[in-house]
Amino acid sequence: MTTGDEPTTANPAKRADARRNEKALLDAAAAVFVTDGVNAPVRRIAAEASVGMGTIYRHFPTRADLVAAVYRHQIDACAEAGPTLLATTGSPFAALQQWVNLFADFLTTKHGLAAAMRDDPAGFTALHTLFLDRLLPVLDDLLTAGRDAGEITADFSAYQLMRAIGDICAGAERVDPDYDARLTLRLLLDGCRGRLRRG
């Protein structure tokens, strides 16, 4: 005779395994999107994640589903990284630099989101709102810590800096071997600190 409690005994472990598997898949997809774009072949993602293509399609029936899931996954990663970097990095400015690099990788996925979700404008709008709601406060905390430490000038908002980073990363979509988004981002951040030094 079985009881109603028995099936739930293994469920938490199974759910934890499923979450770990999905995270590994999303991490792999994000890495492929950064290097190959959101239109990368599914088999490339499957190989990176060491899973079969059927596993990907079972979790994410369409490419739009996969891109949106990666987008939400990277929002969470960027949001969680801010406090961690502030707690573990030598200075707030160094934490900001590392966070901006992580954010720049994320923006590679964001630039393909609109095309991938062209049939779901409401879903795209909701994700953009989530993006701003989660990440603007994180960037603002990084900037506040930098200002409090005397490392960053105070004459711009988190939103202004986020827009500037986005514009710089958008330039990376052009086929231009002389354009280096990471170098331009470094110059941008050095300028934020440099104005304070010259003052």
Protein backbone atom coordinates (compact mmCIF):
# COMPACT_ATOMS: atom_id res chain seq x y z
CA MET A 1 0.00 0.00 0.00
CA THR A 2 1.29 3.44 -0.87
CA THR A 3 0.62 6.75 0.78
CA GLY A 4 0.19 10.15 -0.75
CA ASP A 5 3.53 11.18 0.74
CA GLU A 6 5.68 8.69 -1.20
CA PRO A 7 5.84 10.34 -4.63
CA THR A 8 7.01 13.61 -3.15
CA THR A 9 10.07 12.02 -1.52
CA ALA A 10 12.10 12.05 -4.74
CA ASN A 11 10.51 15.15 -6.24
CA PRO A 12 12.73 17.77 -4.55
CA ALA A 13 15.88 16.01 -5.77
CA LYS A 14 14.44 15.61 -9.25
CA ARG A 15 13.44 19.25 -9.33
CA ALA A 16 16.93 20.26 -8.17
CA ASP A 17 18.49 18.12 -10.90
CA ALA A 18 16.16 19.63 -13.48
CA ARG A 19 17.10 23.14 -12.36
CA ARG A 20 20.81 22.33 -12.53
CA ASN A 21 20.41 20.81 -15.99
CA GLU A 22 18.45 23.79 -17.24
CA LYS A 23 21.02 26.21 -15.78
CA ALA A 24 23.84 24.33 -17.51
CA LEU A 25 21.92 24.42 -20.76
CA LEU A 26 21.23 28.16 -20.45
CA ASP A 27 24.86 28.87 -19.52
CA ALA A 28 25.97 26.97 -22.63
CA ALA A 29 23.44 28.74 -24.85
CA ALA A 30 24.50 32.13 -23.49
CA ALA A 31 28.17 31.37 -24.22
CA VAL A 32 27.32 30.31 -27.78
CA PHE A 33 25.14 33.39 -28.32
CA VAL A 34 28.01 35.65 -27.21
CA THR A 35 30.41 34.14 -29.76
CA ASP A 36 28.08 33.09 -32.58
CA GLY A 37 24.91 35.18 -32.14
CA VAL A 38 21.36 34.14 -31.30
CA ASN A 39 20.93 32.39 -34.65
CA ALA A 40 23.67 29.87 -33.85
CA PRO A 41 22.74 26.27 -34.78
CA VAL A 42 20.99 24.36 -32.02
CA ARG A 43 23.48 21.52 -32.49
CA ARG A 44 26.27 23.94 -31.48
CA ILE A 45 24.43 24.72 -28.25
CA ALA A 46 23.73 21.04 -27.63
CA ALA A 47 27.42 20.22 -28.05
CA GLU A 48 28.44 23.02 -25.69
CA ALA A 49 25.94 21.78 -23.09
CA SER A 50 26.79 18.10 -23.68
CA VAL A 51 23.13 17.24 -24.24
CA GLY A 52 21.11 15.95 -27.15
CA MET A 53 19.21 18.35 -29.37
CA GLY A 54 16.00 16.69 -28.21
CA THR A 55 16.71 17.86 -24.67
CA ILE A 56 16.90 21.46 -25.83
CA TYR A 57 13.67 21.23 -27.82
CA ARG A 58 11.94 19.56 -24.88
CA HIS A 59 12.79 22.53 -22.66
CA PHE A 60 12.49 25.22 -25.34
CA PRO A 61 10.26 24.27 -28.30
CA THR A 62 11.18 27.38 -30.33
CA ARG A 63 14.27 29.52 -30.73
CA ALA A 64 12.32 32.47 -29.31
CA ASP A 65 11.64 30.40 -26.16
CA LEU A 66 15.35 29.65 -25.83
CA VAL A 67 16.48 33.23 -26.45
CA ALA A 68 13.96 34.62 -23.95
CA ALA A 69 15.02 32.04 -21.33
CA VAL A 70 18.70 32.90 -21.83
CA TYR A 71 17.80 36.58 -21.55
CA ARG A 72 16.02 36.06 -18.20
CA HIS A 73 18.87 33.82 -17.03
CA GLN A 74 21.45 36.51 -17.81
CA ILE A 75 19.38 39.19 -16.12
CA ASP A 76 19.46 37.06 -12.97
CA ALA A 77 23.21 36.47 -13.33
CA CYS A 78 23.97 40.18 -13.77
CA ALA A 79 21.70 41.14 -10.88
CA GLU A 80 23.35 38.62 -8.56
CA ALA A 81 26.88 39.54 -9.70
CA GLY A 82 26.72 43.17 -8.57
CA PRO A 83 26.59 42.59 -4.79
CA THR A 84 28.99 39.66 -5.07
CA LEU A 85 31.58 41.73 -6.92
CA LEU A 86 31.28 44.60 -4.43
CA ALA A 87 31.88 42.15 -1.58
CA THR A 88 34.80 40.29 -3.14
CA THR A 89 36.65 42.77 -5.40
CA GLY A 90 39.43 45.06 -4.22
CA SER A 91 37.62 48.31 -5.00
CA PRO A 92 34.19 49.51 -6.15
CA PHE A 93 35.68 50.71 -9.43
CA ALA A 94 37.21 47.29 -10.10
CA ALA A 95 33.82 45.73 -9.28
CA LEU A 96 32.18 48.10 -11.75
CA GLN A 97 34.67 47.18 -14.47
CA GLN A 98 34.03 43.46 -14.02
CA TRP A 99 30.27 43.95 -13.92
CA VAL A 100 30.30 46.03 -17.11
CA ASN A 101 32.20 43.25 -18.91
CA LEU A 102 29.58 40.73 -17.78
CA PHE A 103 26.82 43.11 -18.81
CA ALA A 104 28.43 43.62 -22.22
CA ASP A 105 28.35 39.87 -22.85
CA PHE A 106 24.68 39.89 -21.89
CA LEU A 107 23.92 42.69 -24.34
CA THR A 108 25.08 40.46 -27.20
CA THR A 109 22.03 38.33 -26.48
CA LYS A 110 19.77 41.35 -25.96
CA HIS A 111 20.48 42.67 -29.43
CA GLY A 112 19.02 39.54 -30.98
CA LEU A 113 16.02 39.43 -28.70
CA ALA A 114 13.73 41.74 -30.68
CA ALA A 115 14.14 39.73 -33.88
CA ALA A 116 13.69 36.42 -32.08
CA MET A 117 10.49 37.66 -30.39
CA ARG A 118 8.98 39.65 -33.25
CA ASP A 119 5.81 37.52 -32.98
CA ASP A 120 5.46 38.28 -29.26
CA PRO A 121 5.75 42.06 -28.76
CA ALA A 122 4.06 41.93 -25.35
CA GLY A 123 6.57 39.34 -24.17
CA PHE A 124 9.44 41.47 -25.47
CA THR A 125 8.11 44.53 -23.63
CA ALA A 126 7.77 42.55 -20.40
CA LEU A 127 11.37 41.33 -20.67
CA HIS A 128 12.65 44.85 -21.32
CA THR A 129 10.80 46.06 -18.23
CA LEU A 130 12.32 43.21 -16.20
CA PHE A 131 15.76 44.18 -17.57
CA LEU A 132 15.45 47.76 -16.31
CA ASP A 133 13.78 46.87 -13.01
CA ARG A 134 16.45 44.33 -12.05
CA LEU A 135 19.65 45.85 -13.45
CA LEU A 136 19.36 49.62 -12.99
CA PRO A 137 19.37 49.31 -9.17
CA VAL A 138 22.42 47.04 -9.34
CA LEU A 139 24.36 49.48 -11.49
CA ASP A 140 23.25 52.35 -9.27
CA ASP A 141 24.60 50.50 -6.20
CA LEU A 142 27.95 49.99 -7.96
CA LEU A 143 28.14 53.67 -8.86
CA THR A 144 27.13 54.77 -5.35
CA ALA A 145 29.85 52.59 -3.83
CA GLY A 146 32.37 54.05 -6.27
CA ARG A 147 31.36 57.61 -5.46
CA ASP A 148 31.45 56.94 -1.72
CA ALA A 149 35.00 55.62 -2.17
CA GLY A 150 35.99 58.70 -4.19
CA GLU A 151 36.67 56.60 -7.31
CA ILE A 152 33.87 57.76 -9.63
CA THR A 153 32.53 61.17 -10.51
CA ALA A 154 28.90 61.82 -9.58
CA ASP A 155 27.62 63.72 -12.62
CA PHE A 156 25.76 60.92 -14.45
CA SER A 157 23.00 58.48 -13.62
CA ALA A 158 22.97 54.69 -13.79
CA TYR A 159 20.51 54.95 -16.66
CA GLN A 160 22.80 57.26 -18.65
CA LEU A 161 25.75 54.91 -18.17
CA MET A 162 23.66 51.87 -19.09
CA ARG A 163 22.53 53.56 -22.30
CA ALA A 164 26.12 54.48 -23.15
CA ILE A 165 27.26 50.88 -22.61
CA GLY A 166 24.40 49.67 -24.80
CA ASP A 167 25.32 52.08 -27.61
CA ILE A 168 28.95 50.96 -27.49
CA CYS A 169 28.01 47.29 -27.60
CA ALA A 170 25.57 47.90 -30.46
CA GLY A 171 28.52 49.04 -32.54
CA ALA A 172 30.04 45.58 -32.21
CA GLU A 173 27.31 44.23 -34.50
CA ARG A 174 28.89 46.02 -37.44
CA VAL A 175 31.52 44.12 -39.38
CA ASP A 176 34.48 46.34 -38.59
CA PRO A 177 37.79 44.71 -37.64
CA ASP A 178 39.04 48.02 -36.22
CA TYR A 179 36.19 48.36 -33.73
CA ASP A 180 36.81 46.94 -30.24
CA ALA A 181 33.80 47.34 -27.95
CA ARG A 182 35.74 46.20 -24.88
CA LEU A 183 38.43 48.82 -25.48
CA THR A 184 35.78 51.51 -25.92
CA LEU A 185 34.09 50.42 -22.70
CA ARG A 186 37.41 50.65 -20.88
CA LEU A 187 37.89 54.17 -22.20
CA LEU A 188 34.37 55.09 -21.08
CA LEU A 189 34.95 53.86 -17.54
CA ASP A 190 38.41 55.41 -17.32
CA GLY A 191 36.79 58.69 -18.36
CA CYS A 192 34.29 58.42 -15.51
CA ARG A 193 37.15 58.09 -13.07
CA GLY A 194 39.49 60.49 -14.88
CA ARG A 195 37.23 63.52 -14.58
CA LEU A 196 37.23 63.11 -10.80
CA ARG A 197 41.04 62.90 -10.72
CA ARG A 198 41.45 66.07 -12.79
CA GLY A 199 38.95 67.92 -10.60
